[in-house]
Amino acid sequence: MISSQSGPGLLFPKGGWENDETVEEAAAREAIEEAGVRGDLVQLLGFYDFKSKQPEAMCRAAIFALHVKEELASWPEQNTRQRSWLTVPEAAEQSRYPWMQEALVTGFSAWLENWRNGGGRVDRSER
């Protein structure tokens, strides 16, 4: 997880995507830019709606599990963010937003349990 630029608590790397990239490409790019990590997107964990900075506007985040293969020594936002490696319970406790806690507790934890049991995919169609 990464530190917020605007207050307490930790966040997932997140941001919008460009017109010429997929949501998966945007997630991989944001992980590099904000957290300085590179890897493989393993699974879409789900979609989570949250309130935008704009009054009365909502955003939708696609959350992915990322198998980190490389920690970069230098990355674009290293002067304004710190990355932290945490257990799932620690990350949920330190998440800035409830929707991020939900993504960890329901999305990632369900995927991890399924993976440990020989699966690896979680059906998120109910979202």
N, C-alpha and C. Protein backbone atom coordinates (compact mmCIF):
# COMPACT_ATOMS: atom_id res chain seq x y z
N MET A 1 0.85 -1.17 0.00
CA MET A 1 0.00 0.00 0.00
C MET A 1 0.90 1.23 0.00
N ILE A 2 0.29 2.37 -0.23
CA ILE A 2 1.05 3.61 -0.31
C ILE A 2 0.45 4.67 0.60
N SER A 3 1.29 5.62 1.00
CA SER A 3 0.80 6.74 1.80
C SER A 3 0.01 7.69 0.91
N SER A 4 -0.91 8.38 1.55
CA SER A 4 -1.73 9.37 0.87
C SER A 4 -0.97 10.69 0.80
N GLN A 5 -1.22 11.45 -0.24
CA GLN A 5 -0.62 12.78 -0.34
C GLN A 5 -1.45 13.81 0.42
N SER A 6 -2.67 13.45 0.84
CA SER A 6 -3.57 14.46 1.39
C SER A 6 -4.11 14.14 2.78
N GLY A 7 -3.51 13.19 3.48
CA GLY A 7 -4.01 12.92 4.83
C GLY A 7 -3.56 11.57 5.34
N PRO A 8 -4.10 11.19 6.49
CA PRO A 8 -3.69 9.94 7.12
C PRO A 8 -4.27 8.71 6.43
N GLY A 9 -3.71 7.57 6.76
CA GLY A 9 -4.19 6.31 6.21
C GLY A 9 -3.46 5.92 4.93
N LEU A 10 -3.57 4.65 4.61
CA LEU A 10 -2.90 4.11 3.42
C LEU A 10 -3.90 3.83 2.31
N LEU A 11 -3.39 3.81 1.10
CA LEU A 11 -4.22 3.63 -0.10
C LEU A 11 -3.64 2.55 -0.99
N PHE A 12 -4.46 2.07 -1.93
CA PHE A 12 -3.96 1.30 -3.05
C PHE A 12 -3.56 2.30 -4.13
N PRO A 13 -2.57 1.97 -4.95
CA PRO A 13 -2.34 2.83 -6.12
C PRO A 13 -3.63 2.87 -6.94
N LYS A 14 -4.02 4.06 -7.36
CA LYS A 14 -5.24 4.18 -8.14
C LYS A 14 -5.19 5.44 -8.98
N GLY A 15 -6.02 5.48 -9.97
CA GLY A 15 -6.11 6.65 -10.82
C GLY A 15 -6.93 6.33 -12.04
N GLY A 16 -7.12 7.31 -12.86
CA GLY A 16 -7.90 7.11 -14.07
C GLY A 16 -7.07 6.44 -15.15
N TRP A 17 -7.75 6.07 -16.22
CA TRP A 17 -7.01 5.49 -17.34
C TRP A 17 -7.17 6.36 -18.57
N GLU A 18 -6.14 6.28 -19.39
CA GLU A 18 -6.09 7.08 -20.60
C GLU A 18 -6.97 6.43 -21.67
N ASN A 19 -7.35 7.20 -22.68
CA ASN A 19 -8.21 6.69 -23.74
C ASN A 19 -7.56 5.55 -24.52
N ASP A 20 -6.25 5.51 -24.56
CA ASP A 20 -5.56 4.50 -25.37
C ASP A 20 -5.08 3.29 -24.54
N GLU A 21 -5.60 3.12 -23.33
CA GLU A 21 -5.17 1.97 -22.51
C GLU A 21 -6.38 1.28 -21.89
N THR A 22 -6.19 0.01 -21.58
CA THR A 22 -7.24 -0.76 -20.90
C THR A 22 -7.17 -0.48 -19.41
N VAL A 23 -8.18 -0.91 -18.68
CA VAL A 23 -8.17 -0.74 -17.23
C VAL A 23 -7.01 -1.53 -16.62
N GLU A 24 -6.68 -2.67 -17.21
CA GLU A 24 -5.54 -3.46 -16.73
C GLU A 24 -4.23 -2.73 -16.94
N GLU A 25 -4.06 -2.12 -18.10
CA GLU A 25 -2.85 -1.35 -18.37
C GLU A 25 -2.75 -0.15 -17.43
N ALA A 26 -3.88 0.48 -17.14
CA ALA A 26 -3.88 1.62 -16.21
C ALA A 26 -3.49 1.17 -14.80
N ALA A 27 -3.99 0.02 -14.37
CA ALA A 27 -3.64 -0.49 -13.03
C ALA A 27 -2.15 -0.77 -12.93
N ALA A 28 -1.58 -1.38 -13.95
CA ALA A 28 -0.14 -1.66 -13.95
C ALA A 28 0.67 -0.36 -13.95
N ARG A 29 0.23 0.62 -14.73
CA ARG A 29 0.92 1.91 -14.78
C ARG A 29 0.86 2.63 -13.44
N GLU A 30 -0.31 2.65 -12.82
CA GLU A 30 -0.45 3.32 -11.52
C GLU A 30 0.40 2.65 -10.45
N ALA A 31 0.54 1.33 -10.49
CA ALA A 31 1.39 0.62 -9.53
C ALA A 31 2.84 1.08 -9.67
N ILE A 32 3.28 1.28 -10.89
CA ILE A 32 4.65 1.76 -11.12
C ILE A 32 4.78 3.21 -10.68
N GLU A 33 3.87 4.08 -11.13
CA GLU A 33 3.97 5.51 -10.84
C GLU A 33 3.85 5.82 -9.35
N GLU A 34 2.89 5.21 -8.67
CA GLU A 34 2.61 5.57 -7.28
C GLU A 34 3.35 4.73 -6.25
N ALA A 35 3.54 3.44 -6.53
CA ALA A 35 4.16 2.55 -5.54
C ALA A 35 5.55 2.07 -5.92
N GLY A 36 5.94 2.26 -7.18
CA GLY A 36 7.24 1.81 -7.60
C GLY A 36 7.38 0.30 -7.62
N VAL A 37 6.30 -0.38 -8.02
CA VAL A 37 6.35 -1.84 -8.13
C VAL A 37 5.88 -2.26 -9.51
N ARG A 38 6.45 -3.37 -9.98
CA ARG A 38 6.10 -3.91 -11.29
C ARG A 38 5.81 -5.39 -11.09
N GLY A 39 4.83 -5.90 -11.82
CA GLY A 39 4.49 -7.31 -11.71
C GLY A 39 3.40 -7.71 -12.66
N ASP A 40 2.76 -8.83 -12.34
CA ASP A 40 1.70 -9.37 -13.17
C ASP A 40 0.36 -9.20 -12.47
N LEU A 41 -0.63 -8.68 -13.20
CA LEU A 41 -1.99 -8.64 -12.66
C LEU A 41 -2.50 -10.07 -12.64
N VAL A 42 -2.90 -10.54 -11.47
CA VAL A 42 -3.29 -11.93 -11.31
C VAL A 42 -4.79 -12.11 -11.47
N GLN A 43 -5.56 -11.19 -10.89
CA GLN A 43 -7.02 -11.39 -10.86
C GLN A 43 -7.72 -10.07 -10.59
N LEU A 44 -8.81 -9.84 -11.29
CA LEU A 44 -9.71 -8.75 -10.95
C LEU A 44 -10.45 -9.17 -9.69
N LEU A 45 -10.32 -8.39 -8.63
CA LEU A 45 -10.97 -8.73 -7.36
C LEU A 45 -12.37 -8.17 -7.25
N GLY A 46 -12.66 -7.15 -8.01
CA GLY A 46 -14.00 -6.58 -7.98
C GLY A 46 -14.00 -5.11 -8.31
N PHE A 47 -15.19 -4.57 -8.39
CA PHE A 47 -15.39 -3.14 -8.63
C PHE A 47 -15.96 -2.52 -7.37
N TYR A 48 -15.47 -1.35 -7.02
CA TYR A 48 -15.90 -0.67 -5.80
C TYR A 48 -16.21 0.77 -6.14
N ASP A 49 -17.39 1.22 -5.69
CA ASP A 49 -17.81 2.60 -5.93
C ASP A 49 -17.42 3.46 -4.73
N PHE A 50 -16.97 4.67 -5.03
CA PHE A 50 -16.60 5.59 -3.96
C PHE A 50 -16.89 7.02 -4.40
N LYS A 51 -16.98 7.90 -3.42
CA LYS A 51 -17.29 9.30 -3.67
C LYS A 51 -16.06 10.01 -4.22
N SER A 52 -16.26 10.76 -5.27
CA SER A 52 -15.20 11.52 -5.91
C SER A 52 -14.90 12.78 -5.12
N LYS A 53 -13.80 13.43 -5.44
CA LYS A 53 -13.49 14.72 -4.84
C LYS A 53 -14.47 15.79 -5.30
N GLN A 54 -15.08 15.56 -6.47
CA GLN A 54 -16.07 16.49 -7.01
C GLN A 54 -17.38 16.32 -6.23
N PRO A 55 -18.05 17.39 -5.89
CA PRO A 55 -19.32 17.27 -5.15
C PRO A 55 -20.33 16.39 -5.88
N GLU A 56 -20.94 15.49 -5.15
CA GLU A 56 -21.99 14.60 -5.62
C GLU A 56 -21.59 13.73 -6.81
N ALA A 57 -20.32 13.50 -7.01
CA ALA A 57 -19.86 12.64 -8.10
C ALA A 57 -19.36 11.32 -7.52
N MET A 58 -19.57 10.25 -8.27
CA MET A 58 -19.12 8.93 -7.85
C MET A 58 -18.09 8.41 -8.86
N CYS A 59 -17.20 7.58 -8.35
CA CYS A 59 -16.20 6.91 -9.19
C CYS A 59 -16.30 5.42 -8.97
N ARG A 60 -15.80 4.67 -9.92
CA ARG A 60 -15.75 3.22 -9.79
C ARG A 60 -14.31 2.78 -9.95
N ALA A 61 -13.82 2.02 -8.98
CA ALA A 61 -12.46 1.49 -9.02
C ALA A 61 -12.49 0.01 -9.34
N ALA A 62 -11.60 -0.41 -10.21
CA ALA A 62 -11.38 -1.83 -10.47
C ALA A 62 -10.15 -2.22 -9.66
N ILE A 63 -10.30 -3.20 -8.77
CA ILE A 63 -9.19 -3.61 -7.90
C ILE A 63 -8.64 -4.94 -8.41
N PHE A 64 -7.33 -4.98 -8.57
CA PHE A 64 -6.64 -6.17 -9.05
C PHE A 64 -5.65 -6.67 -8.01
N ALA A 65 -5.47 -7.98 -7.95
CA ALA A 65 -4.36 -8.56 -7.21
C ALA A 65 -3.15 -8.49 -8.15
N LEU A 66 -2.04 -7.99 -7.63
CA LEU A 66 -0.81 -7.85 -8.41
C LEU A 66 0.27 -8.72 -7.79
N HIS A 67 0.81 -9.63 -8.58
CA HIS A 67 1.96 -10.43 -8.13
C HIS A 67 3.20 -9.59 -8.40
N VAL A 68 3.73 -8.98 -7.35
CA VAL A 68 4.87 -8.08 -7.49
C VAL A 68 6.12 -8.89 -7.78
N LYS A 69 6.80 -8.51 -8.85
CA LYS A 69 8.03 -9.20 -9.24
C LYS A 69 9.25 -8.30 -9.11
N GLU A 70 9.01 -6.98 -8.99
CA GLU A 70 10.13 -6.05 -8.91
C GLU A 70 9.75 -4.82 -8.10
N GLU A 71 10.60 -4.45 -7.17
CA GLU A 71 10.49 -3.18 -6.44
C GLU A 71 11.49 -2.23 -7.06
N LEU A 72 11.03 -1.11 -7.56
CA LEU A 72 11.90 -0.14 -8.20
C LEU A 72 12.60 0.72 -7.16
N ALA A 73 13.87 1.00 -7.38
CA ALA A 73 14.63 1.88 -6.47
C ALA A 73 14.22 3.33 -6.67
N SER A 74 13.74 3.64 -7.86
CA SER A 74 13.33 4.99 -8.20
C SER A 74 12.01 4.90 -8.98
N TRP A 75 11.06 5.78 -8.65
CA TRP A 75 9.78 5.79 -9.36
C TRP A 75 9.21 7.21 -9.34
N PRO A 76 8.26 7.51 -10.21
CA PRO A 76 7.80 8.89 -10.38
C PRO A 76 7.32 9.60 -9.11
N GLU A 77 6.61 8.92 -8.22
CA GLU A 77 6.05 9.61 -7.06
C GLU A 77 6.78 9.28 -5.74
N GLN A 78 8.02 8.85 -5.83
CA GLN A 78 8.74 8.44 -4.63
C GLN A 78 8.97 9.58 -3.65
N ASN A 79 8.97 10.82 -4.12
CA ASN A 79 9.18 11.95 -3.23
C ASN A 79 7.93 12.35 -2.47
N THR A 80 6.77 11.85 -2.89
CA THR A 80 5.51 12.24 -2.23
C THR A 80 4.76 11.06 -1.63
N ARG A 81 5.25 9.84 -1.86
CA ARG A 81 4.58 8.64 -1.33
C ARG A 81 5.60 7.67 -0.77
N GLN A 82 5.14 6.91 0.23
CA GLN A 82 5.94 5.81 0.74
C GLN A 82 5.15 4.54 0.55
N ARG A 83 5.82 3.47 0.16
CA ARG A 83 5.13 2.19 0.04
C ARG A 83 5.34 1.40 1.32
N SER A 84 4.35 0.58 1.65
CA SER A 84 4.40 -0.25 2.85
C SER A 84 3.96 -1.66 2.48
N TRP A 85 4.64 -2.65 3.06
CA TRP A 85 4.27 -4.06 2.89
C TRP A 85 3.62 -4.51 4.19
N LEU A 86 2.38 -4.96 4.10
CA LEU A 86 1.59 -5.30 5.27
C LEU A 86 0.87 -6.63 5.08
N THR A 87 0.47 -7.23 6.19
CA THR A 87 -0.43 -8.38 6.10
C THR A 87 -1.82 -7.85 5.73
N VAL A 88 -2.71 -8.73 5.32
CA VAL A 88 -4.07 -8.30 4.96
C VAL A 88 -4.77 -7.64 6.16
N PRO A 89 -4.73 -8.23 7.37
CA PRO A 89 -5.38 -7.54 8.50
C PRO A 89 -4.76 -6.17 8.81
N GLU A 90 -3.44 -6.05 8.73
CA GLU A 90 -2.79 -4.76 8.96
C GLU A 90 -3.21 -3.75 7.91
N ALA A 91 -3.24 -4.19 6.66
CA ALA A 91 -3.62 -3.29 5.57
C ALA A 91 -5.07 -2.82 5.72
N ALA A 92 -5.97 -3.73 6.09
CA ALA A 92 -7.37 -3.36 6.28
C ALA A 92 -7.50 -2.34 7.41
N GLU A 93 -6.76 -2.56 8.49
CA GLU A 93 -6.82 -1.64 9.64
C GLU A 93 -6.29 -0.25 9.28
N GLN A 94 -5.29 -0.18 8.42
CA GLN A 94 -4.66 1.10 8.09
C GLN A 94 -5.20 1.75 6.83
N SER A 95 -6.16 1.10 6.15
CA SER A 95 -6.74 1.67 4.93
C SER A 95 -7.48 2.96 5.25
N ARG A 96 -7.30 3.92 4.41
CA ARG A 96 -7.93 5.22 4.62
C ARG A 96 -9.45 5.17 4.41
N TYR A 97 -9.89 4.35 3.46
CA TYR A 97 -11.30 4.35 3.08
C TYR A 97 -11.96 2.99 3.34
N PRO A 98 -13.22 3.00 3.76
CA PRO A 98 -13.94 1.74 3.99
C PRO A 98 -14.01 0.85 2.75
N TRP A 99 -14.14 1.43 1.55
CA TRP A 99 -14.24 0.60 0.35
C TRP A 99 -12.93 -0.14 0.09
N MET A 100 -11.81 0.43 0.50
CA MET A 100 -10.53 -0.28 0.36
C MET A 100 -10.44 -1.42 1.38
N GLN A 101 -10.97 -1.17 2.58
CA GLN A 101 -11.03 -2.25 3.58
C GLN A 101 -11.87 -3.40 3.06
N GLU A 102 -13.02 -3.07 2.44
CA GLU A 102 -13.90 -4.10 1.90
C GLU A 102 -13.20 -4.89 0.78
N ALA A 103 -12.45 -4.18 -0.07
CA ALA A 103 -11.73 -4.86 -1.14
C ALA A 103 -10.73 -5.86 -0.58
N LEU A 104 -10.06 -5.50 0.50
CA LEU A 104 -9.11 -6.42 1.13
C LEU A 104 -9.82 -7.59 1.80
N VAL A 105 -10.82 -7.28 2.59
CA VAL A 105 -11.47 -8.32 3.39
C VAL A 105 -12.30 -9.26 2.53
N THR A 106 -13.06 -8.72 1.59
CA THR A 106 -13.92 -9.58 0.78
C THR A 106 -13.23 -10.02 -0.50
N GLY A 107 -12.69 -9.08 -1.26
CA GLY A 107 -12.10 -9.41 -2.55
C GLY A 107 -10.81 -10.18 -2.45
N PHE A 108 -9.79 -9.59 -1.83
CA PHE A 108 -8.49 -10.25 -1.79
C PHE A 108 -8.51 -11.50 -0.92
N SER A 109 -9.13 -11.42 0.23
CA SER A 109 -9.16 -12.59 1.12
C SER A 109 -9.87 -13.77 0.47
N ALA A 110 -10.97 -13.51 -0.25
CA ALA A 110 -11.69 -14.59 -0.96
C ALA A 110 -10.82 -15.17 -2.06
N TRP A 111 -10.13 -14.30 -2.82
CA TRP A 111 -9.25 -14.79 -3.87
C TRP A 111 -8.11 -15.64 -3.27
N LEU A 112 -7.50 -15.15 -2.19
CA LEU A 112 -6.39 -15.86 -1.57
C LEU A 112 -6.82 -17.24 -1.06
N GLU A 113 -7.96 -17.30 -0.41
CA GLU A 113 -8.46 -18.58 0.09
C GLU A 113 -8.72 -19.54 -1.08
N ASN A 114 -9.33 -19.04 -2.14
CA ASN A 114 -9.58 -19.86 -3.31
C ASN A 114 -8.27 -20.34 -3.93
N TRP A 115 -7.28 -19.45 -4.02
CA TRP A 115 -5.98 -19.81 -4.58
C TRP A 115 -5.31 -20.89 -3.74
N ARG A 116 -5.37 -20.75 -2.43
CA ARG A 116 -4.77 -21.75 -1.53
C ARG A 116 -5.44 -23.11 -1.69
N ASN A 117 -6.70 -23.12 -2.11
CA ASN A 117 -7.43 -24.37 -2.30
C ASN A 117 -7.33 -24.87 -3.74
N GLY A 118 -6.37 -24.34 -4.49
CA GLY A 118 -6.12 -24.83 -5.84
C GLY A 118 -6.83 -24.06 -6.93
N GLY A 119 -7.56 -23.02 -6.57
CA GLY A 119 -8.27 -22.23 -7.58
C GLY A 119 -7.40 -21.10 -8.07
N GLY A 120 -7.86 -19.92 -7.89
CA GLY A 120 -7.10 -18.75 -8.34
C GLY A 120 -8.02 -17.71 -8.91
N ARG A 121 -9.23 -18.12 -9.21
CA ARG A 121 -10.21 -17.19 -9.75
C ARG A 121 -11.39 -17.08 -8.79
N VAL A 122 -11.89 -15.88 -8.65
CA VAL A 122 -13.06 -15.64 -7.82
C VAL A 122 -14.16 -15.08 -8.72
N ASP A 123 -15.34 -15.62 -8.62
CA ASP A 123 -16.47 -15.12 -9.40
C ASP A 123 -16.99 -13.86 -8.72
N ARG A 124 -16.76 -12.72 -9.34
CA ARG A 124 -17.20 -11.44 -8.78
C ARG A 124 -18.42 -10.93 -9.52
N SER A 125 -19.16 -11.80 -10.21
CA SER A 125 -20.28 -11.36 -11.02
C SER A 125 -21.42 -10.79 -10.19
N GLU A 126 -21.43 -11.08 -8.88
CA GLU A 126 -22.50 -10.56 -8.04
C GLU A 126 -22.33 -9.07 -7.76
N ARG A 127 -21.22 -8.47 -8.10
CA ARG A 127 -20.97 -7.05 -7.82
C ARG A 127 -21.67 -6.18 -8.80
